[in-house]
Amino acid sequence: MYVESVGVVGGGTMGGDIATVFLLAGIPTVVRDVNAVQIEKVRRHVEGRFRERVSRGRLTPQEGERRLGALRLTTGWEPFADVDLAIEAVPENMSVKRAVLSELDRVLPPLSLLASNTSALSITAMGRATNRPERVAGFHFFFPATVMRLIEIVCGEDTDRDTVLTLVRVAEEIHKLPVRVRECPGFVVNRVLMRSLSEVFRFQEATGVAPAAIDRAVVEAHAAPMGPFQLCDALGLDVALDVSQTLEHSYGERFHLGALITDRVKAKHLGQKTGAGFYDGATPDPDPTDVDRARELVRLQQLAAFTEAARLVDDEIASPHDIDLALRAGAGLPLGPLAWADAEGLDQVMAELEALRSRYGDRFAVPASLERLVHSGSLGRTAGRGYHVYRNVYGRTGL
């Protein structure tokens, strides 16, 4: 089917940004929130996004006005009666999401698609709150949705092929990069990032090294475009904690974040949206000695991210290519964790993990796929084969 109109439920920052993305692509969009004050905030937010593009010369004032004119705002359900695709962007609470999808199922045309912007919850459980579970999928944008290119298209147990193919085409029409993944808690990007983040919080708690020093060490090592504590402040500490708790419940203590973030969430210090989180304004200059101490964490982070990416391969959630692509596009990593391990040498990575398991326990257990590759002689880039296949082209080695 072709998607000619879109509905977004949820008037927060993410809902406003999702609407902006569709409007910029010339697709009429309706946004619903139960709160009229929040609806007015959505209007101002979307108009602000358009003004930014006009001021940068990326849109003419006339074109910006024309596309923005396709925005409708509502506190009711009536405008959804002619929507082809509805996306919920409400808080990460399964009962709330199921209630929203059930109501959308009631008001949407029979052939319309339903999608969730959830970052971790079960698409299957949401779909079964409707009478069209085969037409329900995950359509997961990344923050900020107007900038980040990745969309994870998540297949629940009931999602049919036509739904997935339609959403892939929609993602391409709005100039995003779609990656198809099979449902699991956290999907690809958040599952890998939260595993890595767990090591950050463990290290900070054990050493007392300041967050600013850890952020500086990670960025200076080019391990990520943004430090982990800056990232949490940008995403919202409550969001990060909710996702980590979902993953810890599903996979165990390797996703535990600890008291450092929990205490701040309890105090309502949620990051940039409340003006206080790990930082209360400008990032302080870290102690150089602390930065040096934090450098050992970078390797732990990289190994933790790799082990979780390899477990995704083991669980057949997505292909190695799509896993690395998702983490580059959705998390800004300079190299996907599987390609990183290939470059390091899989036998070397396996030896490091065995040592870390002896020290820290099963959270650094060697993934089955890594053992299989090493024992078969597929040792990574230098051997021409690892998680990826490398070929010599004009004397150079590359994918």
Protein backbone atom coordinates (compact mmCIF):
# COMPACT_ATOMS: atom_id res chain seq x y z
CA MET A 1 0.00 0.00 0.00
CA TYR A 2 1.00 3.66 -0.37
CA VAL A 3 1.11 5.97 2.62
CA GLU A 4 -0.32 9.37 1.73
CA SER A 5 -1.18 10.60 5.24
CA VAL A 6 0.26 9.97 8.69
CA GLY A 7 -1.00 10.32 12.25
CA VAL A 8 1.22 10.71 15.32
CA VAL A 9 -0.09 10.11 18.84
CA GLY A 10 1.94 11.87 21.54
CA GLY A 11 2.84 15.54 21.66
CA GLY A 12 6.28 15.36 23.27
CA THR A 13 9.56 16.31 21.63
CA MET A 14 9.81 12.99 19.82
CA GLY A 15 6.23 13.19 18.54
CA GLY A 16 6.84 16.73 17.29
CA ASP A 17 10.06 15.73 15.57
CA ILE A 18 8.44 12.69 13.92
CA ALA A 19 5.70 14.95 12.58
CA THR A 20 8.33 17.39 11.32
CA VAL A 21 10.11 14.61 9.40
CA PHE A 22 6.93 13.62 7.56
CA LEU A 23 5.93 17.21 6.84
CA LEU A 24 9.37 17.98 5.42
CA ALA A 25 8.87 15.03 3.07
CA GLY A 26 5.57 16.54 1.90
CA ILE A 27 3.32 14.02 3.69
CA PRO A 28 0.24 15.48 5.46
CA THR A 29 0.42 14.73 9.18
CA VAL A 30 -1.95 14.95 12.13
CA VAL A 31 -0.68 15.03 15.73
CA ARG A 32 -2.88 14.14 18.68
CA ASP A 33 -2.35 14.71 22.39
CA VAL A 34 -4.93 14.65 25.16
CA ASN A 35 -3.60 17.94 26.52
CA ALA A 36 -4.49 21.12 24.62
CA VAL A 37 -1.53 22.97 26.18
CA GLN A 38 0.80 20.25 24.90
CA ILE A 39 -0.73 20.53 21.44
CA GLU A 40 0.17 24.20 21.37
CA LYS A 41 3.73 23.26 22.37
CA VAL A 42 3.84 20.85 19.42
CA ARG A 43 2.79 23.65 17.09
CA ARG A 44 5.57 25.91 18.34
CA HIS A 45 8.10 23.07 18.23
CA VAL A 46 7.34 22.11 14.63
CA GLU A 47 7.22 25.74 13.50
CA GLY A 48 10.61 26.25 15.15
CA ARG A 49 12.08 23.29 13.24
CA PHE A 50 10.81 24.77 9.98
CA ARG A 51 12.19 28.22 10.81
CA GLU A 52 15.62 26.66 11.39
CA ARG A 53 15.60 25.15 7.91
CA VAL A 54 14.41 28.33 6.26
CA SER A 55 17.09 30.36 8.05
CA ARG A 56 19.76 27.94 6.85
CA GLY A 57 18.54 28.14 3.29
CA ARG A 58 17.42 24.52 3.18
CA LEU A 59 13.83 25.55 2.48
CA THR A 60 12.41 28.64 0.84
CA PRO A 61 9.92 30.55 3.00
CA GLN A 62 7.17 29.71 0.51
CA GLU A 63 7.97 25.99 0.48
CA GLY A 64 8.27 25.91 4.26
CA GLU A 65 4.87 27.56 4.62
CA ARG A 66 3.31 25.14 2.13
CA ARG A 67 4.59 22.02 3.86
CA LEU A 68 3.86 23.30 7.34
CA GLY A 69 0.30 23.95 6.15
CA ALA A 70 -0.20 20.17 5.95
CA LEU A 71 0.01 19.89 9.76
CA ARG A 72 -3.17 19.24 11.72
CA LEU A 73 -3.33 19.23 15.52
CA THR A 74 -6.06 17.66 17.60
CA THR A 75 -7.10 16.41 21.02
CA GLY A 76 -9.63 14.03 19.46
CA TRP A 77 -9.58 10.96 17.22
CA GLU A 78 -11.75 12.16 14.32
CA PRO A 79 -8.86 13.27 12.02
CA PHE A 80 -7.43 9.73 12.14
CA ALA A 81 -10.37 8.38 10.14
CA ASP A 82 -8.47 8.88 6.87
CA VAL A 83 -4.88 8.18 8.03
CA ASP A 84 -2.84 5.48 6.25
CA LEU A 85 -0.17 5.06 8.93
CA ALA A 86 -0.45 5.91 12.63
CA ILE A 87 2.60 6.02 14.89
CA GLU A 88 2.34 6.09 18.66
CA ALA A 89 5.01 8.12 20.48
CA VAL A 90 3.63 7.99 24.02
CA PRO A 91 5.66 7.14 27.17
CA GLU A 92 7.43 3.74 27.47
CA ASN A 93 4.61 2.03 29.32
CA MET A 94 3.12 -1.12 27.84
CA SER A 95 -0.39 -0.61 29.19
CA VAL A 96 -0.51 2.97 27.85
CA LYS A 97 0.80 1.90 24.44
CA ARG A 98 -1.65 -1.01 24.19
CA ALA A 99 -4.54 1.30 25.05
CA VAL A 100 -3.47 3.81 22.38
CA LEU A 101 -3.06 1.15 19.71
CA SER A 102 -6.41 -0.39 20.60
CA GLU A 103 -8.10 3.00 20.15
CA LEU A 104 -6.25 3.59 16.87
CA ASP A 105 -7.40 0.19 15.66
CA ARG A 106 -10.97 1.31 16.32
CA VAL A 107 -10.77 4.61 14.43
CA LEU A 108 -8.37 3.91 11.54
CA PRO A 109 -9.47 2.52 8.15
CA PRO A 110 -9.22 -1.30 8.01
CA LEU A 111 -6.13 -1.40 5.79
CA SER A 112 -4.13 1.27 7.64
CA LEU A 113 -0.90 0.39 9.40
CA LEU A 114 -0.11 0.85 13.09
CA ALA A 115 3.42 1.46 14.32
CA SER A 116 5.13 2.00 17.64
CA ASN A 117 8.12 4.22 18.30
CA THR A 118 9.02 2.12 21.33
CA SER A 119 12.71 1.72 22.04
CA ALA A 120 12.50 -1.60 23.88
CA LEU A 121 8.98 -3.02 24.36
CA SER A 122 7.30 -5.98 22.66
CA ILE A 123 5.68 -5.28 19.31
CA THR A 124 3.87 -8.62 19.50
CA ALA A 125 2.19 -7.68 22.79
CA MET A 126 1.12 -4.32 21.37
CA GLY A 127 -0.17 -5.82 18.14
CA ARG A 128 -2.35 -8.28 20.03
CA ALA A 129 -4.17 -5.37 21.62
CA THR A 130 -5.62 -4.78 18.14
CA ASN A 131 -7.66 -6.73 15.61
CA ARG A 132 -4.89 -6.32 13.01
CA PRO A 133 -1.67 -7.62 14.61
CA GLU A 134 -0.29 -8.48 11.17
CA ARG A 135 -0.36 -4.75 10.34
CA VAL A 136 1.50 -3.65 13.47
CA ALA A 137 5.29 -3.12 13.56
CA GLY A 138 7.97 -1.10 15.29
CA PHE A 139 9.03 2.10 13.53
CA HIS A 140 11.72 3.30 15.89
CA PHE A 141 13.20 6.75 15.33
CA PHE A 142 16.32 7.95 17.11
CA PHE A 143 16.79 11.21 18.99
CA PRO A 144 16.72 13.78 17.53
CA ALA A 145 14.47 12.34 14.85
CA THR A 146 14.99 15.33 12.56
CA VAL A 147 18.73 14.60 12.44
CA MET A 148 19.36 10.89 13.04
CA ARG A 149 19.05 8.81 9.86
CA LEU A 150 18.27 5.38 11.28
CA ILE A 151 14.85 3.81 11.66
CA GLU A 152 14.63 0.31 13.17
CA ILE A 153 11.73 -1.54 11.55
CA VAL A 154 10.81 -4.18 14.08
CA CYS A 155 8.88 -7.31 13.14
CA GLY A 156 6.67 -8.82 15.81
CA GLU A 157 5.63 -12.46 15.68
CA ASP A 158 2.48 -11.53 13.73
CA THR A 159 3.81 -8.76 11.47
CA ASP A 160 3.35 -9.66 7.80
CA ARG A 161 5.75 -9.09 4.92
CA ASP A 162 3.63 -6.41 3.21
CA THR A 163 3.65 -4.30 6.36
CA VAL A 164 7.43 -4.49 6.60
CA LEU A 165 7.95 -3.68 2.93
CA THR A 166 5.56 -0.72 3.14
CA LEU A 167 7.41 0.68 6.16
CA VAL A 168 10.77 0.23 4.43
CA ARG A 169 9.45 2.27 1.51
CA VAL A 170 8.04 4.93 3.86
CA ALA A 171 11.37 5.23 5.67
CA GLU A 172 13.13 5.79 2.36
CA GLU A 173 10.53 8.38 1.30
CA ILE A 174 11.26 10.43 4.42
CA HIS A 175 15.01 10.15 3.71
CA LYS A 176 15.81 7.71 6.50
CA LEU A 177 17.86 4.52 6.56
CA PRO A 178 15.65 1.51 7.38
CA VAL A 179 17.13 -1.54 9.10
CA ARG A 180 14.91 -4.57 9.59
CA VAL A 181 15.26 -6.39 12.90
CA ARG A 182 13.44 -9.22 14.60
CA GLU A 183 11.71 -8.37 17.85
CA CYS A 184 13.68 -8.64 21.07
CA PRO A 185 13.84 -6.37 24.13
CA GLY A 186 15.89 -3.31 23.17
CA PHE A 187 16.07 -4.34 19.51
CA VAL A 188 19.59 -3.64 18.14
CA VAL A 189 20.85 -0.17 18.99
CA ASN A 190 19.51 0.24 22.52
CA ARG A 191 20.44 -3.30 23.47
CA VAL A 192 24.07 -2.73 22.50
CA LEU A 193 24.26 0.84 23.86
CA MET A 194 22.73 -0.09 27.22
CA ARG A 195 25.14 -2.99 27.64
CA SER A 196 28.01 -0.60 27.00
CA LEU A 197 26.49 2.00 29.32
CA SER A 198 26.31 -0.55 32.13
CA GLU A 199 30.10 -0.83 32.10
CA VAL A 200 30.38 2.97 32.30
CA PHE A 201 28.24 3.16 35.43
CA ARG A 202 30.01 0.21 37.05
CA PHE A 203 33.38 1.84 36.41
CA GLN A 204 32.27 5.21 37.77
CA GLU A 205 30.84 3.64 40.91
CA ALA A 206 33.99 1.58 41.51
CA THR A 207 36.51 4.37 40.86
CA GLY A 208 34.74 7.63 41.63
CA VAL A 209 36.07 9.14 38.38
CA ALA A 210 33.98 12.20 37.47
CA PRO A 211 31.45 11.88 34.61
CA ALA A 212 33.14 14.75 32.74
CA ALA A 213 36.45 12.85 32.75
CA ILE A 214 34.79 9.70 31.43
CA ASP A 215 33.03 11.66 28.71
CA ARG A 216 36.30 13.33 27.70
CA ALA A 217 38.16 10.00 27.55
CA VAL A 218 35.48 8.35 25.39
CA VAL A 219 35.30 11.25 22.91
CA GLU A 220 39.09 11.67 22.70
CA ALA A 221 39.43 7.95 21.93
CA HIS A 222 36.91 8.39 19.07
CA ALA A 223 34.88 5.55 20.58
CA ALA A 224 31.65 7.55 20.26
CA PRO A 225 30.63 11.05 19.08
CA MET A 226 29.31 11.98 22.53
CA GLY A 227 30.27 10.99 26.05
CA PRO A 228 27.92 8.52 27.81
CA PHE A 229 26.84 10.96 30.52
CA GLN A 230 26.20 13.71 27.99
CA LEU A 231 24.16 11.19 26.00
CA CYS A 232 22.04 10.30 29.03
CA ASP A 233 21.38 13.98 29.73
CA ALA A 234 20.29 14.48 26.11
CA LEU A 235 18.04 11.40 25.99
CA GLY A 236 16.58 11.86 29.46
CA LEU A 237 17.82 9.92 32.48
CA ASP A 238 14.34 8.52 33.05
CA VAL A 239 14.22 7.15 29.50
CA ALA A 240 17.66 5.55 29.83
CA LEU A 241 16.72 4.01 33.17
CA ASP A 242 13.39 2.67 31.86
CA VAL A 243 15.11 0.98 28.91
CA SER A 244 17.87 -0.47 31.09
CA GLN A 245 15.34 -1.90 33.55
CA THR A 246 13.38 -3.52 30.71
CA LEU A 247 16.61 -5.10 29.47
CA GLU A 248 17.75 -6.14 32.94
CA HIS A 249 14.41 -7.83 33.51
CA SER A 250 14.80 -9.72 30.21
CA TYR A 251 18.53 -10.52 30.13
CA GLY A 252 19.89 -10.17 33.64
CA GLU A 253 22.36 -8.08 35.60
CA ARG A 254 24.67 -7.26 32.70
CA PHE A 255 22.30 -4.34 32.01
CA HIS A 256 22.23 -3.01 35.57
CA LEU A 257 22.99 0.74 35.82
CA GLY A 258 23.11 1.22 39.58
CA ALA A 259 22.41 4.03 42.04
CA LEU A 260 24.16 6.87 40.20
CA ILE A 261 21.33 7.25 37.68
CA THR A 262 18.54 5.88 39.89
CA ASP A 263 19.10 8.53 42.57
CA ARG A 264 18.98 11.33 40.02
CA VAL A 265 15.76 10.04 38.48
CA LYS A 266 14.17 9.85 41.94
CA ALA A 267 15.18 13.48 42.50
CA LYS A 268 13.63 14.44 39.12
CA HIS A 269 17.03 15.43 37.74
CA LEU A 270 16.31 14.00 34.30
CA GLY A 271 18.84 15.79 32.11
CA GLN A 272 18.43 18.61 29.64
CA LYS A 273 14.63 18.57 29.82
CA THR A 274 14.71 19.52 33.52
CA GLY A 275 17.91 21.58 33.43
CA ALA A 276 19.76 19.16 35.71
CA GLY A 277 21.10 15.65 35.27
CA PHE A 278 24.73 14.61 35.31
CA TYR A 279 25.46 18.19 34.28
CA ASP A 280 23.69 21.31 35.51
CA GLY A 281 24.64 23.51 32.58
CA ALA A 282 28.09 23.81 31.02
CA THR A 283 30.32 20.72 31.11
CA PRO A 284 33.12 21.26 33.65
CA ASP A 285 36.76 20.82 32.69
CA PRO A 286 37.80 17.39 33.99
CA ASP A 287 40.90 16.61 36.01
CA PRO A 288 43.55 15.30 33.55
CA THR A 289 44.48 12.55 36.02
CA ASP A 290 40.86 11.35 36.02
CA VAL A 291 40.81 11.40 32.21
CA ASP A 292 43.88 9.15 32.15
CA ARG A 293 42.24 6.76 34.63
CA ALA A 294 39.10 6.67 32.48
CA ARG A 295 40.97 5.54 29.36
CA GLU A 296 40.90 1.92 30.54
CA LEU A 297 37.10 2.12 30.48
CA VAL A 298 37.04 2.73 26.73
CA ARG A 299 38.29 -0.79 26.00
CA LEU A 300 35.73 -2.28 28.40
CA GLN A 301 32.98 -0.34 26.64
CA GLN A 302 34.06 -1.55 23.23
CA LEU A 303 34.28 -5.17 24.35
CA ALA A 304 30.89 -4.97 26.07
CA ALA A 305 29.30 -3.48 22.94
CA PHE A 306 30.87 -6.21 20.83
CA THR A 307 29.64 -9.05 23.05
CA GLU A 308 26.06 -7.78 22.88
CA ALA A 309 26.25 -7.28 19.11
CA ALA A 310 27.56 -10.84 18.78
CA ARG A 311 24.68 -12.11 20.93
CA LEU A 312 22.30 -10.44 18.47
CA VAL A 313 23.95 -12.52 15.74
CA ASP A 314 23.60 -15.63 17.90
CA ASP A 315 19.91 -14.85 18.48
CA GLU A 316 19.34 -14.20 14.73
CA ILE A 317 17.89 -10.76 15.45
CA ALA A 318 19.61 -9.16 12.44
CA SER A 319 22.51 -9.79 10.10
CA PRO A 320 26.06 -8.68 11.03
CA HIS A 321 25.88 -6.09 8.25
CA ASP A 322 22.60 -4.62 9.52
CA ILE A 323 23.75 -4.66 13.16
CA ASP A 324 26.86 -2.65 12.35
CA LEU A 325 24.92 -0.36 10.00
CA ALA A 326 22.33 0.34 12.69
CA LEU A 327 24.94 1.23 15.29
CA ARG A 328 26.80 3.53 12.94
CA ALA A 329 23.63 5.30 11.80
CA GLY A 330 21.72 5.21 15.09
CA ALA A 331 24.50 5.68 17.63
CA GLY A 332 27.12 7.49 15.58
CA LEU A 333 29.79 4.85 16.20
CA PRO A 334 32.74 5.27 13.83
CA LEU A 335 32.83 1.50 13.23
CA GLY A 336 30.22 -1.14 13.97
CA PRO A 337 31.14 -3.40 16.94
CA LEU A 338 31.43 -6.51 14.76
CA ALA A 339 33.66 -4.79 12.20
CA TRP A 340 35.65 -3.36 15.13
CA ALA A 341 36.27 -6.89 16.45
CA ASP A 342 37.24 -8.07 12.98
CA ALA A 343 39.80 -5.27 12.80
CA GLU A 344 41.18 -6.05 16.26
CA GLY A 345 41.50 -9.77 15.45
CA LEU A 346 38.87 -12.18 16.70
CA ASP A 347 41.41 -14.42 18.45
CA GLN A 348 42.74 -11.39 20.37
CA VAL A 349 39.20 -10.31 21.31
CA MET A 350 38.36 -13.82 22.48
CA ALA A 351 41.48 -13.95 24.67
CA GLU A 352 40.57 -10.60 26.25
CA LEU A 353 37.01 -11.74 26.93
CA GLU A 354 38.21 -14.94 28.58
CA ALA A 355 40.40 -12.86 30.91
CA LEU A 356 37.55 -10.45 31.66
CA ARG A 357 35.17 -13.30 32.38
CA SER A 358 37.59 -14.63 34.98
CA ARG A 359 37.63 -11.18 36.57
CA TYR A 360 34.03 -9.97 36.18
CA GLY A 361 31.91 -13.05 35.53
CA ASP A 362 29.44 -14.05 32.83
CA ARG A 363 28.66 -10.58 31.57
CA PHE A 364 31.86 -10.97 29.52
CA ALA A 365 31.14 -14.56 28.45
CA VAL A 366 32.48 -15.43 25.00
CA PRO A 367 29.59 -15.37 22.47
CA ALA A 368 28.95 -18.63 20.61
CA SER A 369 29.45 -16.99 17.21
CA LEU A 370 32.90 -15.72 18.23
CA GLU A 371 33.99 -19.16 19.42
CA ARG A 372 32.75 -20.70 16.19
CA LEU A 373 34.57 -18.19 13.99
CA VAL A 374 37.87 -18.45 15.87
CA HIS A 375 37.83 -22.24 15.88
CA SER A 376 37.16 -22.27 12.13
CA GLY A 377 40.09 -19.95 11.43
CA SER A 378 37.92 -16.93 10.53
CA LEU A 379 39.92 -14.46 12.57
CA GLY A 380 38.78 -11.13 11.15
CA ARG A 381 40.02 -8.59 8.65
CA THR A 382 43.60 -9.87 8.37
CA ALA A 383 42.32 -13.37 7.58
CA GLY A 384 39.79 -12.04 5.05
CA ARG A 385 36.79 -13.35 6.95
CA GLY A 386 35.19 -12.82 10.34
CA TYR A 387 31.75 -11.46 11.09
CA HIS A 388 32.11 -9.81 7.67
CA VAL A 389 33.79 -11.04 4.51
CA TYR A 390 36.75 -8.97 3.28
CA ARG A 391 38.04 -9.02 -0.28
CA ASN A 392 41.17 -7.59 -1.85
CA VAL A 393 40.27 -4.93 -4.39
CA TYR A 394 43.12 -3.27 -6.32
CA GLY A 395 45.58 -4.35 -3.68
CA ARG A 396 43.54 -3.07 -0.74
CA THR A 397 41.52 -4.97 1.81
CA GLY A 398 37.95 -3.85 2.37
CA LEU A 399 34.38 -5.03 2.72
